[in-house]
Amino acid sequence: SFVVSLSRSLVQRLDEQSAGLLVRRL
């Protein structure tokens, strides 16, 4: 559970930054 929470936190950050990149692109 701890490892999954760490990996999900990183994936969430990547998703947030990719969403930010898409917004800036638009």
mmCIF file of all heavy atoms, coordinates in Angstrom:
data_MODEL
# 
_entry.id   MODEL 
# 
loop_
_atom_site.group_PDB 
_atom_site.id 
_atom_site.type_symbol 
_atom_site.label_atom_id 
_atom_site.label_alt_id 
_atom_site.label_comp_id 
_atom_site.label_asym_id 
_atom_site.label_entity_id 
_atom_site.label_seq_id 
_atom_site.pdbx_PDB_ins_code 
_atom_site.Cartn_x 
_atom_site.Cartn_y 
_atom_site.Cartn_z 
_atom_site.occupancy 
_atom_site.B_iso_or_equiv 
_atom_site.pdbx_formal_charge 
_atom_site.auth_seq_id 
_atom_site.auth_comp_id 
_atom_site.auth_asym_id 
_atom_site.auth_atom_id 
_atom_site.pdbx_PDB_model_num 
ATOM 1   N N   . SER A 1 1  ? 0.827  -1.206 0.000   1.00 0.00 ? 1  SER A N   1 
ATOM 2   C CA  . SER A 1 1  ? 0.000  0.000  0.000   1.00 0.00 ? 1  SER A CA  1 
ATOM 3   C C   . SER A 1 1  ? 0.860  1.254  0.000   1.00 0.00 ? 1  SER A C   1 
ATOM 4   O O   . SER A 1 1  ? 0.565  2.239  -0.711  1.00 0.00 ? 1  SER A O   1 
ATOM 5   C CB  . SER A 1 1  ? -0.915 0.003  1.230   1.00 0.00 ? 1  SER A CB  1 
ATOM 6   O OG  . SER A 1 1  ? -1.784 -1.111 1.204   1.00 0.00 ? 1  SER A OG  1 
ATOM 7   N N   . PHE A 1 2  ? 1.955  1.235  0.756   1.00 0.00 ? 2  PHE A N   1 
ATOM 8   C CA  . PHE A 1 2  ? 2.829  2.408  0.798   1.00 0.00 ? 2  PHE A CA  1 
ATOM 9   C C   . PHE A 1 2  ? 3.523  2.635  -0.535  1.00 0.00 ? 2  PHE A C   1 
ATOM 10  O O   . PHE A 1 2  ? 3.621  3.772  -1.018  1.00 0.00 ? 2  PHE A O   1 
ATOM 11  C CB  . PHE A 1 2  ? 3.858  2.209  1.919   1.00 0.00 ? 2  PHE A CB  1 
ATOM 12  C CG  . PHE A 1 2  ? 4.711  3.409  2.175   1.00 0.00 ? 2  PHE A CG  1 
ATOM 13  C CD1 . PHE A 1 2  ? 4.155  4.601  2.604   1.00 0.00 ? 2  PHE A CD1 1 
ATOM 14  C CD2 . PHE A 1 2  ? 6.083  3.356  1.976   1.00 0.00 ? 2  PHE A CD2 1 
ATOM 15  C CE1 . PHE A 1 2  ? 4.941  5.717  2.846   1.00 0.00 ? 2  PHE A CE1 1 
ATOM 16  C CE2 . PHE A 1 2  ? 6.875  4.460  2.203   1.00 0.00 ? 2  PHE A CE2 1 
ATOM 17  C CZ  . PHE A 1 2  ? 6.301  5.639  2.640   1.00 0.00 ? 2  PHE A CZ  1 
ATOM 18  N N   . VAL A 1 3  ? 3.999  1.553  -1.154  1.00 0.00 ? 3  VAL A N   1 
ATOM 19  C CA  . VAL A 1 3  ? 4.662  1.681  -2.454  1.00 0.00 ? 3  VAL A CA  1 
ATOM 20  C C   . VAL A 1 3  ? 3.669  2.184  -3.502  1.00 0.00 ? 3  VAL A C   1 
ATOM 21  O O   . VAL A 1 3  ? 3.993  3.051  -4.339  1.00 0.00 ? 3  VAL A O   1 
ATOM 22  C CB  . VAL A 1 3  ? 5.278  0.334  -2.865  1.00 0.00 ? 3  VAL A CB  1 
ATOM 23  C CG1 . VAL A 1 3  ? 5.748  0.380  -4.315  1.00 0.00 ? 3  VAL A CG1 1 
ATOM 24  C CG2 . VAL A 1 3  ? 6.436  -0.009 -1.946  1.00 0.00 ? 3  VAL A CG2 1 
ATOM 25  N N   . VAL A 1 4  ? 2.459  1.653  -3.482  1.00 0.00 ? 4  VAL A N   1 
ATOM 26  C CA  . VAL A 1 4  ? 1.431  2.086  -4.435  1.00 0.00 ? 4  VAL A CA  1 
ATOM 27  C C   . VAL A 1 4  ? 1.111  3.561  -4.238  1.00 0.00 ? 4  VAL A C   1 
ATOM 28  O O   . VAL A 1 4  ? 0.940  4.329  -5.217  1.00 0.00 ? 4  VAL A O   1 
ATOM 29  C CB  . VAL A 1 4  ? 0.170  1.216  -4.306  1.00 0.00 ? 4  VAL A CB  1 
ATOM 30  C CG1 . VAL A 1 4  ? -0.982 1.821  -5.094  1.00 0.00 ? 4  VAL A CG1 1 
ATOM 31  C CG2 . VAL A 1 4  ? 0.455  -0.190 -4.790  1.00 0.00 ? 4  VAL A CG2 1 
ATOM 32  N N   . SER A 1 5  ? 1.023  3.991  -2.978  1.00 0.00 ? 5  SER A N   1 
ATOM 33  C CA  . SER A 1 5  ? 0.728  5.409  -2.734  1.00 0.00 ? 5  SER A CA  1 
ATOM 34  C C   . SER A 1 5  ? 1.848  6.310  -3.239  1.00 0.00 ? 5  SER A C   1 
ATOM 35  O O   . SER A 1 5  ? 1.580  7.391  -3.801  1.00 0.00 ? 5  SER A O   1 
ATOM 36  C CB  . SER A 1 5  ? 0.511  5.627  -1.237  1.00 0.00 ? 5  SER A CB  1 
ATOM 37  O OG  . SER A 1 5  ? 1.697  5.369  -0.510  1.00 0.00 ? 5  SER A OG  1 
ATOM 38  N N   . LEU A 1 6  ? 3.105  5.871  -3.085  1.00 0.00 ? 6  LEU A N   1 
ATOM 39  C CA  . LEU A 1 6  ? 4.217  6.680  -3.603  1.00 0.00 ? 6  LEU A CA  1 
ATOM 40  C C   . LEU A 1 6  ? 4.174  6.760  -5.123  1.00 0.00 ? 6  LEU A C   1 
ATOM 41  O O   . LEU A 1 6  ? 4.338  7.851  -5.711  1.00 0.00 ? 6  LEU A O   1 
ATOM 42  C CB  . LEU A 1 6  ? 5.549  6.081  -3.135  1.00 0.00 ? 6  LEU A CB  1 
ATOM 43  C CG  . LEU A 1 6  ? 5.890  6.232  -1.650  1.00 0.00 ? 6  LEU A CG  1 
ATOM 44  C CD1 . LEU A 1 6  ? 7.211  5.521  -1.346  1.00 0.00 ? 6  LEU A CD1 1 
ATOM 45  C CD2 . LEU A 1 6  ? 5.988  7.698  -1.254  1.00 0.00 ? 6  LEU A CD2 1 
ATOM 46  N N   . SER A 1 7  ? 3.970  5.614  -5.779  1.00 0.00 ? 7  SER A N   1 
ATOM 47  C CA  . SER A 1 7  ? 3.936  5.623  -7.241  1.00 0.00 ? 7  SER A CA  1 
ATOM 48  C C   . SER A 1 7  ? 2.746  6.419  -7.772  1.00 0.00 ? 7  SER A C   1 
ATOM 49  O O   . SER A 1 7  ? 2.856  7.169  -8.758  1.00 0.00 ? 7  SER A O   1 
ATOM 50  C CB  . SER A 1 7  ? 3.903  4.194  -7.771  1.00 0.00 ? 7  SER A CB  1 
ATOM 51  O OG  . SER A 1 7  ? 2.713  3.536  -7.356  1.00 0.00 ? 7  SER A OG  1 
ATOM 52  N N   . ARG A 1 8  ? 1.595  6.303  -7.134  1.00 0.00 ? 8  ARG A N   1 
ATOM 53  C CA  . ARG A 1 8  ? 0.433  7.055  -7.572  1.00 0.00 ? 8  ARG A CA  1 
ATOM 54  C C   . ARG A 1 8  ? 0.647  8.557  -7.394  1.00 0.00 ? 8  ARG A C   1 
ATOM 55  O O   . ARG A 1 8  ? 0.166  9.375  -8.202  1.00 0.00 ? 8  ARG A O   1 
ATOM 56  C CB  . ARG A 1 8  ? -0.802 6.609  -6.803  1.00 0.00 ? 8  ARG A CB  1 
ATOM 57  C CG  . ARG A 1 8  ? -1.341 5.265  -7.258  1.00 0.00 ? 8  ARG A CG  1 
ATOM 58  C CD  . ARG A 1 8  ? -2.558 4.869  -6.460  1.00 0.00 ? 8  ARG A CD  1 
ATOM 59  N NE  . ARG A 1 8  ? -3.079 3.577  -6.917  1.00 0.00 ? 8  ARG A NE  1 
ATOM 60  C CZ  . ARG A 1 8  ? -4.115 2.959  -6.342  1.00 0.00 ? 8  ARG A CZ  1 
ATOM 61  N NH1 . ARG A 1 8  ? -4.724 3.510  -5.278  1.00 0.00 ? 8  ARG A NH1 1 
ATOM 62  N NH2 . ARG A 1 8  ? -4.545 1.812  -6.815  1.00 0.00 ? 8  ARG A NH2 1 
ATOM 63  N N   . SER A 1 9  ? 1.334  8.907  -6.342  1.00 0.00 ? 9  SER A N   1 
ATOM 64  C CA  . SER A 1 9  ? 1.630  10.324 -6.148  1.00 0.00 ? 9  SER A CA  1 
ATOM 65  C C   . SER A 1 9  ? 2.487  10.868 -7.284  1.00 0.00 ? 9  SER A C   1 
ATOM 66  O O   . SER A 1 9  ? 2.240  11.968 -7.802  1.00 0.00 ? 9  SER A O   1 
ATOM 67  C CB  . SER A 1 9  ? 2.340  10.516 -4.808  1.00 0.00 ? 9  SER A CB  1 
ATOM 68  O OG  . SER A 1 9  ? 2.729  11.862 -4.628  1.00 0.00 ? 9  SER A OG  1 
ATOM 69  N N   . LEU A 1 10 ? 3.486  10.079 -7.702  1.00 0.00 ? 10 LEU A N   1 
ATOM 70  C CA  . LEU A 1 10 ? 4.328  10.519 -8.827  1.00 0.00 ? 10 LEU A CA  1 
ATOM 71  C C   . LEU A 1 10 ? 3.533  10.565 -10.122 1.00 0.00 ? 10 LEU A C   1 
ATOM 72  O O   . LEU A 1 10 ? 3.666  11.510 -10.928 1.00 0.00 ? 10 LEU A O   1 
ATOM 73  C CB  . LEU A 1 10 ? 5.526  9.579  -8.954  1.00 0.00 ? 10 LEU A CB  1 
ATOM 74  C CG  . LEU A 1 10 ? 6.563  9.665  -7.831  1.00 0.00 ? 10 LEU A CG  1 
ATOM 75  C CD1 . LEU A 1 10 ? 7.613  8.573  -7.990  1.00 0.00 ? 10 LEU A CD1 1 
ATOM 76  C CD2 . LEU A 1 10 ? 7.225  11.034 -7.827  1.00 0.00 ? 10 LEU A CD2 1 
ATOM 77  N N   . VAL A 1 11 ? 2.700  9.541  -10.364 1.00 0.00 ? 11 VAL A N   1 
ATOM 78  C CA  . VAL A 1 11 ? 1.886  9.528  -11.584 1.00 0.00 ? 11 VAL A CA  1 
ATOM 79  C C   . VAL A 1 11 ? 0.928  10.708 -11.596 1.00 0.00 ? 11 VAL A C   1 
ATOM 80  O O   . VAL A 1 11 ? 0.690  11.344 -12.646 1.00 0.00 ? 11 VAL A O   1 
ATOM 81  C CB  . VAL A 1 11 ? 1.140  8.189  -11.690 1.00 0.00 ? 11 VAL A CB  1 
ATOM 82  C CG1 . VAL A 1 11 ? 0.132  8.223  -12.843 1.00 0.00 ? 11 VAL A CG1 1 
ATOM 83  C CG2 . VAL A 1 11 ? 2.121  7.048  -11.889 1.00 0.00 ? 11 VAL A CG2 1 
ATOM 84  N N   . GLN A 1 12 ? 0.386  11.023 -10.411 1.00 0.00 ? 12 GLN A N   1 
ATOM 85  C CA  . GLN A 1 12 ? -0.517 12.159 -10.330 1.00 0.00 ? 12 GLN A CA  1 
ATOM 86  C C   . GLN A 1 12 ? 0.200  13.467 -10.673 1.00 0.00 ? 12 GLN A C   1 
ATOM 87  O O   . GLN A 1 12 ? -0.346 14.338 -11.363 1.00 0.00 ? 12 GLN A O   1 
ATOM 88  C CB  . GLN A 1 12 ? -1.129 12.234 -8.937  1.00 0.00 ? 12 GLN A CB  1 
ATOM 89  C CG  . GLN A 1 12 ? -2.161 13.347 -8.773  1.00 0.00 ? 12 GLN A CG  1 
ATOM 90  C CD  . GLN A 1 12 ? -2.759 13.364 -7.387  1.00 0.00 ? 12 GLN A CD  1 
ATOM 91  O OE1 . GLN A 1 12 ? -2.361 12.584 -6.521  1.00 0.00 ? 12 GLN A OE1 1 
ATOM 92  N NE2 . GLN A 1 12 ? -3.715 14.264 -7.177  1.00 0.00 ? 12 GLN A NE2 1 
ATOM 93  N N   . ARG A 1 13 ? 1.425  13.576 -10.229 1.00 0.00 ? 13 ARG A N   1 
ATOM 94  C CA  . ARG A 1 13 ? 2.183  14.783 -10.565 1.00 0.00 ? 13 ARG A CA  1 
ATOM 95  C C   . ARG A 1 13 ? 2.460  14.858 -12.067 1.00 0.00 ? 13 ARG A C   1 
ATOM 96  O O   . ARG A 1 13 ? 2.382  15.946 -12.675 1.00 0.00 ? 13 ARG A O   1 
ATOM 97  C CB  . ARG A 1 13 ? 3.489  14.800 -9.792  1.00 0.00 ? 13 ARG A CB  1 
ATOM 98  C CG  . ARG A 1 13 ? 3.311  15.010 -8.302  1.00 0.00 ? 13 ARG A CG  1 
ATOM 99  C CD  . ARG A 1 13 ? 4.632  15.040 -7.598  1.00 0.00 ? 13 ARG A CD  1 
ATOM 100 N NE  . ARG A 1 13 ? 4.450  15.143 -6.147  1.00 0.00 ? 13 ARG A NE  1 
ATOM 101 C CZ  . ARG A 1 13 ? 5.471  15.195 -5.280  1.00 0.00 ? 13 ARG A CZ  1 
ATOM 102 N NH1 . ARG A 1 13 ? 6.718  15.103 -5.728  1.00 0.00 ? 13 ARG A NH1 1 
ATOM 103 N NH2 . ARG A 1 13 ? 5.221  15.291 -3.984  1.00 0.00 ? 13 ARG A NH2 1 
ATOM 104 N N   . LEU A 1 14 ? 2.781  13.714 -12.649 1.00 0.00 ? 14 LEU A N   1 
ATOM 105 C CA  . LEU A 1 14 ? 3.005  13.717 -14.095 1.00 0.00 ? 14 LEU A CA  1 
ATOM 106 C C   . LEU A 1 14 ? 1.725  14.085 -14.840 1.00 0.00 ? 14 LEU A C   1 
ATOM 107 O O   . LEU A 1 14 ? 1.760  14.843 -15.826 1.00 0.00 ? 14 LEU A O   1 
ATOM 108 C CB  . LEU A 1 14 ? 3.499  12.337 -14.541 1.00 0.00 ? 14 LEU A CB  1 
ATOM 109 C CG  . LEU A 1 14 ? 4.888  11.915 -14.046 1.00 0.00 ? 14 LEU A CG  1 
ATOM 110 C CD1 . LEU A 1 14 ? 5.229  10.513 -14.541 1.00 0.00 ? 14 LEU A CD1 1 
ATOM 111 C CD2 . LEU A 1 14 ? 5.954  12.897 -14.500 1.00 0.00 ? 14 LEU A CD2 1 
ATOM 112 N N   . ASP A 1 15 ? 0.587  13.555 -14.384 1.00 0.00 ? 15 ASP A N   1 
ATOM 113 C CA  . ASP A 1 15 ? -0.687 13.898 -15.021 1.00 0.00 ? 15 ASP A CA  1 
ATOM 114 C C   . ASP A 1 15 ? -0.984 15.383 -14.865 1.00 0.00 ? 15 ASP A C   1 
ATOM 115 O O   . ASP A 1 15 ? -1.481 16.046 -15.811 1.00 0.00 ? 15 ASP A O   1 
ATOM 116 C CB  . ASP A 1 15 ? -1.823 13.068 -14.424 1.00 0.00 ? 15 ASP A CB  1 
ATOM 117 C CG  . ASP A 1 15 ? -1.731 11.598 -14.806 1.00 0.00 ? 15 ASP A CG  1 
ATOM 118 O OD1 . ASP A 1 15 ? -1.078 11.293 -15.827 1.00 0.00 ? 15 ASP A OD1 1 
ATOM 119 O OD2 . ASP A 1 15 ? -2.300 10.747 -14.073 1.00 0.00 ? 15 ASP A OD2 1 
ATOM 120 N N   . GLU A 1 16 ? -0.699 15.922 -13.685 1.00 0.00 ? 16 GLU A N   1 
ATOM 121 C CA  . GLU A 1 16 ? -0.944 17.347 -13.475 1.00 0.00 ? 16 GLU A CA  1 
ATOM 122 C C   . GLU A 1 16 ? -0.083 18.207 -14.399 1.00 0.00 ? 16 GLU A C   1 
ATOM 123 O O   . GLU A 1 16 ? -0.556 19.188 -14.993 1.00 0.00 ? 16 GLU A O   1 
ATOM 124 C CB  . GLU A 1 16 ? -0.658 17.710 -12.014 1.00 0.00 ? 16 GLU A CB  1 
ATOM 125 C CG  . GLU A 1 16 ? -1.664 17.133 -11.029 1.00 0.00 ? 16 GLU A CG  1 
ATOM 126 C CD  . GLU A 1 16 ? -1.258 17.420 -9.596  1.00 0.00 ? 16 GLU A CD  1 
ATOM 127 O OE1 . GLU A 1 16 ? -0.154 17.965 -9.387  1.00 0.00 ? 16 GLU A OE1 1 
ATOM 128 O OE2 . GLU A 1 16 ? -2.045 17.078 -8.680  1.00 0.00 ? 16 GLU A OE2 1 
ATOM 129 N N   . GLN A 1 17 ? 1.194  17.833 -14.532 1.00 0.00 ? 17 GLN A N   1 
ATOM 130 C CA  . GLN A 1 17 ? 2.073  18.622 -15.389 1.00 0.00 ? 17 GLN A CA  1 
ATOM 131 C C   . GLN A 1 17 ? 1.703  18.470 -16.863 1.00 0.00 ? 17 GLN A C   1 
ATOM 132 O O   . GLN A 1 17 ? 1.758  19.440 -17.637 1.00 0.00 ? 17 GLN A O   1 
ATOM 133 C CB  . GLN A 1 17 ? 3.528  18.183 -15.178 1.00 0.00 ? 17 GLN A CB  1 
ATOM 134 C CG  . GLN A 1 17 ? 4.066  18.530 -13.795 1.00 0.00 ? 17 GLN A CG  1 
ATOM 135 C CD  . GLN A 1 17 ? 4.001  20.017 -13.510 1.00 0.00 ? 17 GLN A CD  1 
ATOM 136 O OE1 . GLN A 1 17 ? 4.317  20.858 -14.379 1.00 0.00 ? 17 GLN A OE1 1 
ATOM 137 N NE2 . GLN A 1 17 ? 3.593  20.360 -12.289 1.00 0.00 ? 17 GLN A NE2 1 
ATOM 138 N N   . SER A 1 18 ? 1.286  17.249 -17.260 1.00 0.00 ? 18 SER A N   1 
ATOM 139 C CA  . SER A 1 18 ? 0.863  17.081 -18.660 1.00 0.00 ? 18 SER A CA  1 
ATOM 140 C C   . SER A 1 18 ? -0.405 17.875 -18.941 1.00 0.00 ? 18 SER A C   1 
ATOM 141 O O   . SER A 1 18 ? -0.574 18.469 -20.022 1.00 0.00 ? 18 SER A O   1 
ATOM 142 C CB  . SER A 1 18 ? 0.633  15.587 -18.947 1.00 0.00 ? 18 SER A CB  1 
ATOM 143 O OG  . SER A 1 18 ? -0.414 15.079 -18.133 1.00 0.00 ? 18 SER A OG  1 
ATOM 144 N N   . ALA A 1 19 ? -1.312 17.913 -17.950 1.00 0.00 ? 19 ALA A N   1 
ATOM 145 C CA  . ALA A 1 19 ? -2.509 18.733 -18.120 1.00 0.00 ? 19 ALA A CA  1 
ATOM 146 C C   . ALA A 1 19 ? -2.138 20.219 -18.216 1.00 0.00 ? 19 ALA A C   1 
ATOM 147 O O   . ALA A 1 19 ? -2.726 20.975 -19.002 1.00 0.00 ? 19 ALA A O   1 
ATOM 148 C CB  . ALA A 1 19 ? -3.471 18.491 -16.956 1.00 0.00 ? 19 ALA A CB  1 
ATOM 149 N N   . GLY A 1 20 ? -1.149 20.615 -17.394 1.00 0.00 ? 20 GLY A N   1 
ATOM 150 C CA  . GLY A 1 20 ? -0.697 22.006 -17.480 1.00 0.00 ? 20 GLY A CA  1 
ATOM 151 C C   . GLY A 1 20 ? -0.078 22.318 -18.814 1.00 0.00 ? 20 GLY A C   1 
ATOM 152 O O   . GLY A 1 20 ? -0.291 23.407 -19.376 1.00 0.00 ? 20 GLY A O   1 
ATOM 153 N N   . LEU A 1 21 ? 0.702  21.386 -19.354 1.00 0.00 ? 21 LEU A N   1 
ATOM 154 C CA  . LEU A 1 21 ? 1.282  21.597 -20.678 1.00 0.00 ? 21 LEU A CA  1 
ATOM 155 C C   . LEU A 1 21 ? 0.202  21.724 -21.735 1.00 0.00 ? 21 LEU A C   1 
ATOM 156 O O   . LEU A 1 21 ? 0.278  22.551 -22.667 1.00 0.00 ? 21 LEU A O   1 
ATOM 157 C CB  . LEU A 1 21 ? 2.223  20.440 -21.020 1.00 0.00 ? 21 LEU A CB  1 
ATOM 158 C CG  . LEU A 1 21 ? 3.523  20.371 -20.221 1.00 0.00 ? 21 LEU A CG  1 
ATOM 159 C CD1 . LEU A 1 21 ? 4.276  19.096 -20.549 1.00 0.00 ? 21 LEU A CD1 1 
ATOM 160 C CD2 . LEU A 1 21 ? 4.399  21.586 -20.513 1.00 0.00 ? 21 LEU A CD2 1 
ATOM 161 N N   . LEU A 1 22 ? -0.864 20.889 -21.627 1.00 0.00 ? 22 LEU A N   1 
ATOM 162 C CA  . LEU A 1 22 ? -1.948 20.954 -22.602 1.00 0.00 ? 22 LEU A CA  1 
ATOM 163 C C   . LEU A 1 22 ? -2.672 22.293 -22.520 1.00 0.00 ? 22 LEU A C   1 
ATOM 164 O O   . LEU A 1 22 ? -3.033 22.897 -23.536 1.00 0.00 ? 22 LEU A O   1 
ATOM 165 C CB  . LEU A 1 22 ? -2.916 19.800 -22.346 1.00 0.00 ? 22 LEU A CB  1 
ATOM 166 C CG  . LEU A 1 22 ? -4.120 19.716 -23.291 1.00 0.00 ? 22 LEU A CG  1 
ATOM 167 C CD1 . LEU A 1 22 ? -3.660 19.543 -24.740 1.00 0.00 ? 22 LEU A CD1 1 
ATOM 168 C CD2 . LEU A 1 22 ? -5.028 18.559 -22.887 1.00 0.00 ? 22 LEU A CD2 1 
ATOM 169 N N   . VAL A 1 23 ? -2.869 22.778 -21.284 1.00 0.00 ? 23 VAL A N   1 
ATOM 170 C CA  . VAL A 1 23 ? -3.541 24.072 -21.125 1.00 0.00 ? 23 VAL A CA  1 
ATOM 171 C C   . VAL A 1 23 ? -2.708 25.198 -21.732 1.00 0.00 ? 23 VAL A C   1 
ATOM 172 O O   . VAL A 1 23 ? -3.237 26.087 -22.434 1.00 0.00 ? 23 VAL A O   1 
ATOM 173 C CB  . VAL A 1 23 ? -3.826 24.330 -19.640 1.00 0.00 ? 23 VAL A CB  1 
ATOM 174 C CG1 . VAL A 1 23 ? -4.302 25.776 -19.411 1.00 0.00 ? 23 VAL A CG1 1 
ATOM 175 C CG2 . VAL A 1 23 ? -4.872 23.359 -19.119 1.00 0.00 ? 23 VAL A CG2 1 
ATOM 176 N N   . ARG A 1 24 ? -1.405 25.179 -21.464 1.00 0.00 ? 24 ARG A N   1 
ATOM 177 C CA  . ARG A 1 24 ? -0.554 26.214 -22.051 1.00 0.00 ? 24 ARG A CA  1 
ATOM 178 C C   . ARG A 1 24 ? -0.545 26.134 -23.570 1.00 0.00 ? 24 ARG A C   1 
ATOM 179 O O   . ARG A 1 24 ? -0.488 27.134 -24.282 1.00 0.00 ? 24 ARG A O   1 
ATOM 180 C CB  . ARG A 1 24 ? 0.868  26.078 -21.499 1.00 0.00 ? 24 ARG A CB  1 
ATOM 181 C CG  . ARG A 1 24 ? 0.986  26.561 -20.053 1.00 0.00 ? 24 ARG A CG  1 
ATOM 182 C CD  . ARG A 1 24 ? 2.442  26.727 -19.672 1.00 0.00 ? 24 ARG A CD  1 
ATOM 183 N NE  . ARG A 1 24 ? 3.154  25.453 -19.677 1.00 0.00 ? 24 ARG A NE  1 
ATOM 184 C CZ  . ARG A 1 24 ? 3.242  24.660 -18.632 1.00 0.00 ? 24 ARG A CZ  1 
ATOM 185 N NH1 . ARG A 1 24 ? 2.643  24.996 -17.491 1.00 0.00 ? 24 ARG A NH1 1 
ATOM 186 N NH2 . ARG A 1 24 ? 3.916  23.527 -18.711 1.00 0.00 ? 24 ARG A NH2 1 
ATOM 187 N N   . ARG A 1 25 ? -0.588 24.891 -24.092 1.00 0.00 ? 25 ARG A N   1 
ATOM 188 C CA  . ARG A 1 25 ? -0.642 24.711 -25.549 1.00 0.00 ? 25 ARG A CA  1 
ATOM 189 C C   . ARG A 1 25 ? -1.909 25.334 -26.119 1.00 0.00 ? 25 ARG A C   1 
ATOM 190 O O   . ARG A 1 25 ? -1.883 26.053 -27.131 1.00 0.00 ? 25 ARG A O   1 
ATOM 191 C CB  . ARG A 1 25 ? -0.600 23.203 -25.867 1.00 0.00 ? 25 ARG A CB  1 
ATOM 192 C CG  . ARG A 1 25 ? -0.870 22.862 -27.325 1.00 0.00 ? 25 ARG A CG  1 
ATOM 193 C CD  . ARG A 1 25 ? 0.255  23.241 -28.218 1.00 0.00 ? 25 ARG A CD  1 
ATOM 194 N NE  . ARG A 1 25 ? -0.009 22.836 -29.580 1.00 0.00 ? 25 ARG A NE  1 
ATOM 195 C CZ  . ARG A 1 25 ? 0.820  23.047 -30.610 1.00 0.00 ? 25 ARG A CZ  1 
ATOM 196 N NH1 . ARG A 1 25 ? 1.980  23.682 -30.412 1.00 0.00 ? 25 ARG A NH1 1 
ATOM 197 N NH2 . ARG A 1 25 ? 0.516  22.634 -31.824 1.00 0.00 ? 25 ARG A NH2 1 
ATOM 198 N N   . LEU A 1 26 ? -3.038 25.110 -25.458 1.00 0.00 ? 26 LEU A N   1 
ATOM 199 C CA  . LEU A 1 26 ? -4.300 25.680 -25.939 1.00 0.00 ? 26 LEU A CA  1 
ATOM 200 C C   . LEU A 1 26 ? -4.281 27.198 -25.860 1.00 0.00 ? 26 LEU A C   1 
ATOM 201 O O   . LEU A 1 26 ? -4.789 27.909 -26.743 1.00 0.00 ? 26 LEU A O   1 
ATOM 202 C CB  . LEU A 1 26 ? -5.473 25.134 -25.111 1.00 0.00 ? 26 LEU A CB  1 
ATOM 203 C CG  . LEU A 1 26 ? -5.775 23.630 -25.292 1.00 0.00 ? 26 LEU A CG  1 
ATOM 204 C CD1 . LEU A 1 26 ? -6.858 23.183 -24.318 1.00 0.00 ? 26 LEU A CD1 1 
ATOM 205 C CD2 . LEU A 1 26 ? -6.188 23.329 -26.732 1.00 0.00 ? 26 LEU A CD2 1 
# 
